[in-house]
Amino acid sequence: MPEWNQQVCVITGAASGIGAGLARHAAKLGMALELADIDTRNLESLCESLRAAGAVAESHKLDVRQGDAFEEWAKDVFSRHSQVNLFFNNAGVLVDGKSWERSEADWRWNLDVNIMGVVNGIRAFVPLMLTQNAEGRVINTSSIGGLVGGGQFMGPYQGSKHAVAAITETLHQELKLEAAPISASCLCPGEVDTGIWESDRLREGNNELHSTEEQEFHDFVAGMVADGLSPDEFAARVWQGIDAEKFWIFPQSDFKSMYQARAESVINETSPLTMAEMMGGK
Protein backbone atom coordinates (compact mmCIF):
# COMPACT_ATOMS: atom_id res chain seq x y z
CA MET A 1 0.00 0.00 0.00
CA PRO A 2 1.45 3.41 -0.95
CA GLU A 3 2.41 5.91 1.72
CA TRP A 4 0.36 9.02 1.01
CA ASN A 5 1.60 11.28 3.79
CA GLN A 6 3.13 14.49 2.37
CA GLN A 7 2.41 13.46 -1.20
CA VAL A 8 0.46 15.75 -3.52
CA CYS A 9 -3.19 15.38 -4.50
CA VAL A 10 -4.83 17.54 -7.19
CA ILE A 11 -8.63 17.57 -7.59
CA THR A 12 -10.90 19.41 -10.02
CA GLY A 13 -14.55 19.85 -9.18
CA ALA A 14 -13.43 19.91 -5.55
CA ALA A 15 -15.92 22.38 -4.09
CA SER A 16 -18.66 19.86 -3.38
CA GLY A 17 -19.86 16.30 -3.83
CA ILE A 18 -17.37 13.63 -4.83
CA GLY A 19 -14.52 16.14 -5.19
CA ALA A 20 -14.98 17.46 -1.66
CA GLY A 21 -15.17 13.92 -0.29
CA LEU A 22 -11.92 13.02 -2.05
CA ALA A 23 -10.30 16.17 -0.65
CA ARG A 24 -11.32 15.39 2.92
CA HIS A 25 -10.03 11.83 2.64
CA ALA A 26 -6.73 12.93 1.10
CA ALA A 27 -6.31 15.43 3.94
CA LYS A 28 -6.79 12.67 6.51
CA LEU A 29 -3.98 10.78 4.81
CA GLY A 30 -1.67 13.78 5.18
CA MET A 31 -1.55 14.73 1.52
CA ALA A 32 -0.93 18.28 0.33
CA LEU A 33 -4.01 19.42 -1.57
CA GLU A 34 -4.37 21.53 -4.71
CA LEU A 35 -8.08 22.04 -5.27
CA ALA A 36 -9.87 23.70 -8.17
CA ASP A 37 -13.46 24.54 -9.02
CA ILE A 38 -15.50 27.25 -10.70
CA ASP A 39 -17.56 27.46 -7.48
CA THR A 40 -15.10 29.57 -5.48
CA ARG A 41 -17.36 30.26 -2.50
CA ASN A 42 -17.84 26.61 -1.58
CA LEU A 43 -14.26 25.78 -2.56
CA GLU A 44 -12.76 28.35 -0.21
CA SER A 45 -15.09 27.24 2.58
CA LEU A 46 -13.84 23.68 2.13
CA CYS A 47 -10.20 24.80 2.13
CA GLU A 48 -10.70 26.82 5.30
CA SER A 49 -12.14 23.80 7.09
CA LEU A 50 -9.29 21.59 5.87
CA ARG A 51 -6.67 24.11 6.95
CA ALA A 52 -8.34 24.44 10.35
CA ALA A 53 -7.85 20.69 10.74
CA GLY A 54 -4.14 21.03 9.91
CA ALA A 55 -4.13 20.22 6.20
CA VAL A 56 -2.13 21.97 3.51
CA ALA A 57 -4.78 23.05 1.01
CA GLU A 58 -4.64 25.59 -1.82
CA SER A 59 -7.73 26.70 -3.75
CA HIS A 60 -7.83 27.83 -7.37
CA LYS A 61 -10.70 29.13 -9.49
CA LEU A 62 -10.78 27.10 -12.67
CA ASP A 63 -13.17 26.65 -15.56
CA VAL A 64 -12.01 23.26 -16.87
CA ARG A 65 -13.23 24.18 -20.36
CA GLN A 66 -10.36 26.65 -20.66
CA GLY A 67 -7.28 24.72 -21.73
CA ASP A 68 -4.83 27.60 -21.35
CA ALA A 69 -6.01 28.29 -17.80
CA PHE A 70 -5.67 24.59 -16.97
CA GLU A 71 -2.09 24.56 -18.23
CA GLU A 72 -1.20 27.67 -16.23
CA TRP A 73 -2.62 26.08 -13.09
CA ALA A 74 -0.63 22.89 -13.69
CA LYS A 75 2.58 24.91 -14.02
CA ASP A 76 1.72 26.77 -10.82
CA VAL A 77 1.13 23.50 -8.94
CA PHE A 78 4.46 22.09 -10.12
CA SER A 79 6.27 25.30 -9.21
CA ARG A 80 5.25 24.67 -5.59
CA HIS A 81 5.42 20.88 -5.34
CA SER A 82 7.54 19.56 -8.26
CA GLN A 83 5.28 16.52 -8.48
CA VAL A 84 1.67 15.32 -8.45
CA ASN A 85 1.02 11.86 -7.07
CA LEU A 86 -2.75 11.72 -7.51
CA PHE A 87 -4.59 13.82 -10.09
CA PHE A 88 -8.37 13.51 -9.89
CA ASN A 89 -9.75 14.78 -13.20
CA ASN A 90 -13.15 14.96 -11.57
CA ALA A 91 -15.18 18.05 -12.54
CA GLY A 92 -18.51 17.15 -14.10
CA VAL A 93 -22.03 18.40 -14.77
CA LEU A 94 -25.30 16.90 -15.93
CA VAL A 95 -27.88 17.87 -18.54
CA ASP A 96 -30.92 15.64 -19.05
CA GLY A 97 -34.03 15.71 -21.21
CA LYS A 98 -35.01 14.76 -24.74
CA SER A 99 -31.96 14.86 -26.99
CA TRP A 100 -33.57 16.90 -29.75
CA GLU A 101 -34.95 19.46 -27.31
CA ARG A 102 -31.64 20.24 -25.64
CA SER A 103 -30.21 23.46 -27.01
CA GLU A 104 -26.78 23.66 -28.58
CA ALA A 105 -25.69 25.55 -25.46
CA ASP A 106 -26.93 22.69 -23.26
CA TRP A 107 -25.04 20.10 -25.29
CA ARG A 108 -21.86 22.16 -25.50
CA TRP A 109 -21.82 22.92 -21.78
CA ASN A 110 -22.24 19.25 -20.82
CA LEU A 111 -19.76 17.91 -23.38
CA ASP A 112 -17.20 20.69 -22.90
CA VAL A 113 -17.09 20.30 -19.11
CA ASN A 114 -17.27 16.50 -18.99
CA ILE A 115 -15.11 15.63 -22.00
CA MET A 116 -12.90 18.61 -22.78
CA GLY A 117 -12.42 19.24 -19.06
CA VAL A 118 -10.86 15.77 -18.81
CA VAL A 119 -8.88 16.25 -22.04
CA ASN A 120 -7.58 19.62 -20.83
CA GLY A 121 -6.53 18.03 -17.55
CA ILE A 122 -4.65 15.29 -19.36
CA ARG A 123 -2.91 17.78 -21.64
CA ALA A 124 -2.00 20.08 -18.74
CA PHE A 125 -0.79 17.62 -16.13
CA VAL A 126 0.44 14.45 -17.83
CA PRO A 127 3.46 16.03 -19.61
CA LEU A 128 4.65 17.46 -16.30
CA MET A 129 3.96 14.26 -14.38
CA LEU A 130 6.04 12.29 -16.89
CA THR A 131 9.09 14.37 -15.93
CA GLN A 132 8.68 14.28 -12.15
CA ASN A 133 10.67 11.11 -11.37
CA ALA A 134 8.02 10.00 -8.87
CA GLU A 135 4.98 7.75 -9.06
CA GLY A 136 1.75 9.37 -10.12
CA ARG A 137 -1.75 8.35 -11.13
CA VAL A 138 -4.40 10.14 -13.20
CA ILE A 139 -7.93 9.23 -12.09
CA ASN A 140 -10.59 10.33 -14.57
CA THR A 141 -14.16 10.37 -13.30
CA SER A 142 -16.54 8.64 -15.69
CA SER A 143 -19.73 7.02 -14.34
CA ILE A 144 -21.67 3.79 -14.25
CA GLY A 145 -23.66 5.68 -16.87
CA GLY A 146 -20.50 5.67 -18.98
CA LEU A 147 -20.62 1.88 -19.18
CA VAL A 148 -24.31 0.99 -19.42
CA GLY A 149 -26.90 2.32 -21.85
CA GLY A 150 -30.67 2.60 -21.80
CA GLY A 151 -30.90 5.87 -19.92
CA GLN A 152 -33.61 7.73 -21.80
CA PHE A 153 -33.33 11.50 -21.41
CA MET A 154 -29.63 11.11 -20.56
CA GLY A 155 -27.98 11.60 -23.95
CA PRO A 156 -25.64 14.50 -23.10
CA TYR A 157 -24.51 13.06 -19.79
CA GLN A 158 -24.15 9.40 -20.73
CA GLY A 159 -22.56 10.27 -24.05
CA SER A 160 -19.93 12.36 -22.28
CA LYS A 161 -19.20 9.71 -19.68
CA HIS A 162 -18.84 6.95 -22.30
CA ALA A 163 -16.25 9.20 -23.95
CA VAL A 164 -14.36 9.63 -20.67
CA ALA A 165 -14.18 5.85 -20.19
CA ALA A 166 -12.79 5.34 -23.70
CA ILE A 167 -10.33 8.23 -23.37
CA THR A 168 -9.06 6.81 -20.07
CA GLU A 169 -8.59 3.32 -21.51
CA THR A 170 -6.51 4.89 -24.28
CA LEU A 171 -4.52 6.94 -21.76
CA HIS A 172 -3.79 3.76 -19.79
CA GLN A 173 -2.33 2.04 -22.86
CA GLU A 174 -0.29 5.09 -23.85
CA LEU A 175 1.20 5.54 -20.39
CA LYS A 176 2.30 1.89 -20.38
CA LEU A 177 4.60 2.78 -23.28
CA GLU A 178 6.36 5.47 -21.25
CA ALA A 179 9.32 4.85 -18.96
CA ALA A 180 7.92 7.06 -16.21
CA PRO A 181 5.89 5.46 -13.36
CA ILE A 182 2.67 7.27 -14.26
CA SER A 183 -0.57 5.31 -14.57
CA ALA A 184 -4.29 5.89 -15.12
CA SER A 185 -7.55 4.78 -13.55
CA CYS A 186 -11.17 5.18 -14.59
CA LEU A 187 -13.46 5.98 -11.67
CA CYS A 188 -17.09 5.00 -12.22
CA PRO A 189 -19.45 6.24 -9.50
CA GLY A 190 -22.93 4.88 -9.00
CA GLU A 191 -25.36 6.74 -6.76
CA VAL A 192 -23.50 9.22 -4.55
CA ASP A 193 -25.24 11.97 -2.60
CA THR A 194 -24.02 14.98 -4.60
CA GLY A 195 -25.55 18.05 -6.18
CA ILE A 196 -24.91 16.98 -9.77
CA TRP A 197 -28.63 16.95 -10.52
CA GLU A 198 -28.61 20.67 -9.71
CA SER A 199 -25.66 21.41 -12.00
CA ASP A 200 -27.48 24.37 -13.53
CA ARG A 201 -26.50 26.41 -10.49
CA LEU A 202 -23.03 26.63 -12.05
CA ARG A 203 -24.07 28.41 -15.25
CA GLU A 204 -26.39 31.03 -16.62
CA GLY A 205 -29.79 29.73 -17.73
CA ASN A 206 -31.34 26.40 -16.87
CA ASN A 207 -32.20 23.05 -18.36
CA GLU A 208 -35.97 23.20 -18.87
CA LEU A 209 -37.82 19.89 -19.09
CA HIS A 210 -40.93 19.92 -21.26
CA SER A 211 -42.83 16.75 -20.36
CA THR A 212 -44.18 14.93 -17.34
CA GLU A 213 -42.18 11.85 -18.31
CA GLU A 214 -38.91 13.77 -18.30
CA GLN A 215 -39.62 15.42 -14.96
CA GLU A 216 -40.66 12.13 -13.36
CA PHE A 217 -37.47 10.47 -14.61
CA HIS A 218 -35.38 13.40 -13.38
CA ASP A 219 -36.98 13.30 -9.93
CA PHE A 220 -36.70 9.50 -9.68
CA VAL A 221 -32.99 9.37 -10.50
CA ALA A 222 -32.23 12.47 -8.42
CA GLY A 223 -33.92 10.71 -5.50
CA MET A 224 -31.78 7.60 -6.01
CA VAL A 225 -28.67 9.78 -6.03
CA ALA A 226 -29.74 11.54 -2.83
CA ASP A 227 -30.12 8.13 -1.16
CA GLY A 228 -26.67 7.00 -2.36
CA LEU A 229 -23.35 6.79 -0.61
CA SER A 230 -22.06 9.81 1.23
CA PRO A 231 -19.10 11.46 -0.55
CA ASP A 232 -16.84 10.56 2.38
CA GLU A 233 -17.73 6.85 2.34
CA PHE A 234 -17.38 6.89 -1.43
CA ALA A 235 -13.89 8.43 -1.16
CA ALA A 236 -12.75 5.75 1.28
CA ARG A 237 -13.79 3.11 -1.26
CA VAL A 238 -12.01 4.99 -4.04
CA TRP A 239 -8.74 4.78 -2.13
CA GLN A 240 -9.19 1.04 -1.75
CA GLY A 241 -9.15 0.81 -5.53
CA ILE A 242 -6.17 3.14 -5.82
CA ASP A 243 -4.19 1.24 -3.19
CA ALA A 244 -4.95 -1.99 -5.09
CA GLU A 245 -3.62 -0.27 -8.26
CA LYS A 246 -6.83 -0.96 -10.17
CA PHE A 247 -7.61 0.62 -13.51
CA TRP A 248 -11.37 0.27 -13.13
CA ILE A 249 -12.44 1.71 -9.79
CA PHE A 250 -15.99 0.66 -8.90
CA PRO A 251 -16.87 1.83 -5.39
CA GLN A 252 -20.31 0.29 -6.03
CA SER A 253 -20.40 -2.97 -7.95
CA ASP A 254 -24.14 -3.70 -8.09
CA PHE A 255 -24.33 -2.38 -11.66
CA LYS A 256 -22.45 -5.34 -13.16
CA SER A 257 -25.54 -7.39 -14.02
CA MET A 258 -26.83 -4.37 -15.95
CA TYR A 259 -23.53 -4.05 -17.79
CA GLN A 260 -23.60 -7.75 -18.63
CA ALA A 261 -27.17 -7.45 -19.97
CA ARG A 262 -26.13 -4.52 -22.16
CA ALA A 263 -23.03 -6.36 -23.44
CA GLU A 264 -25.12 -9.41 -24.33
CA SER A 265 -27.59 -7.18 -26.16
CA VAL A 266 -24.73 -5.73 -28.22
CA ILE A 267 -23.21 -9.14 -28.95
CA ASN A 268 -26.61 -10.55 -29.91
CA GLU A 269 -27.36 -7.48 -32.04
CA THR A 270 -30.69 -6.83 -30.34
CA SER A 271 -32.30 -3.45 -29.80
CA PRO A 272 -31.07 -1.46 -26.78
CA LEU A 273 -32.58 -2.51 -23.49
CA THR A 274 -34.50 -0.14 -21.30
CA MET A 275 -33.14 0.57 -17.85
CA ALA A 276 -35.90 -1.60 -16.35
CA GLU A 277 -34.97 -4.50 -18.64
CA MET A 278 -31.28 -4.22 -17.70
CA MET A 279 -32.30 -4.24 -14.05
CA GLY A 280 -34.15 -7.51 -14.57
CA GLY A 281 -37.59 -5.97 -14.43
CA LYS A 282 -37.05 -4.48 -10.99
Foldseek 3Di string as FASTA:
>chain_A
DDQLAAAEEEEEPLLWFLNVLLVVVSLVSNYAYEYEYQPVVSNVVSVVVSVVVPHHYDYDYDDLLDLVVLLVVQVVVCVPVVAHAEYELEDAAFAFEAPVPWDPVRLCVRQSSLAVSSVSNCVRHVVSNLPSQDAHEYEYEAALLLQFDQDHRGVSRSVSSVNSVVVQVVVQVVVVVGPGNYHYAYEHEYQEQIDRLVRCVSDPDDRDYDDPVRVVSSVVRNVSSNPDHYSNLLSVQQVVCVVVVHRYRYSDDPCVQLSVVQVVCVVVVHPGDHPCVSVVND
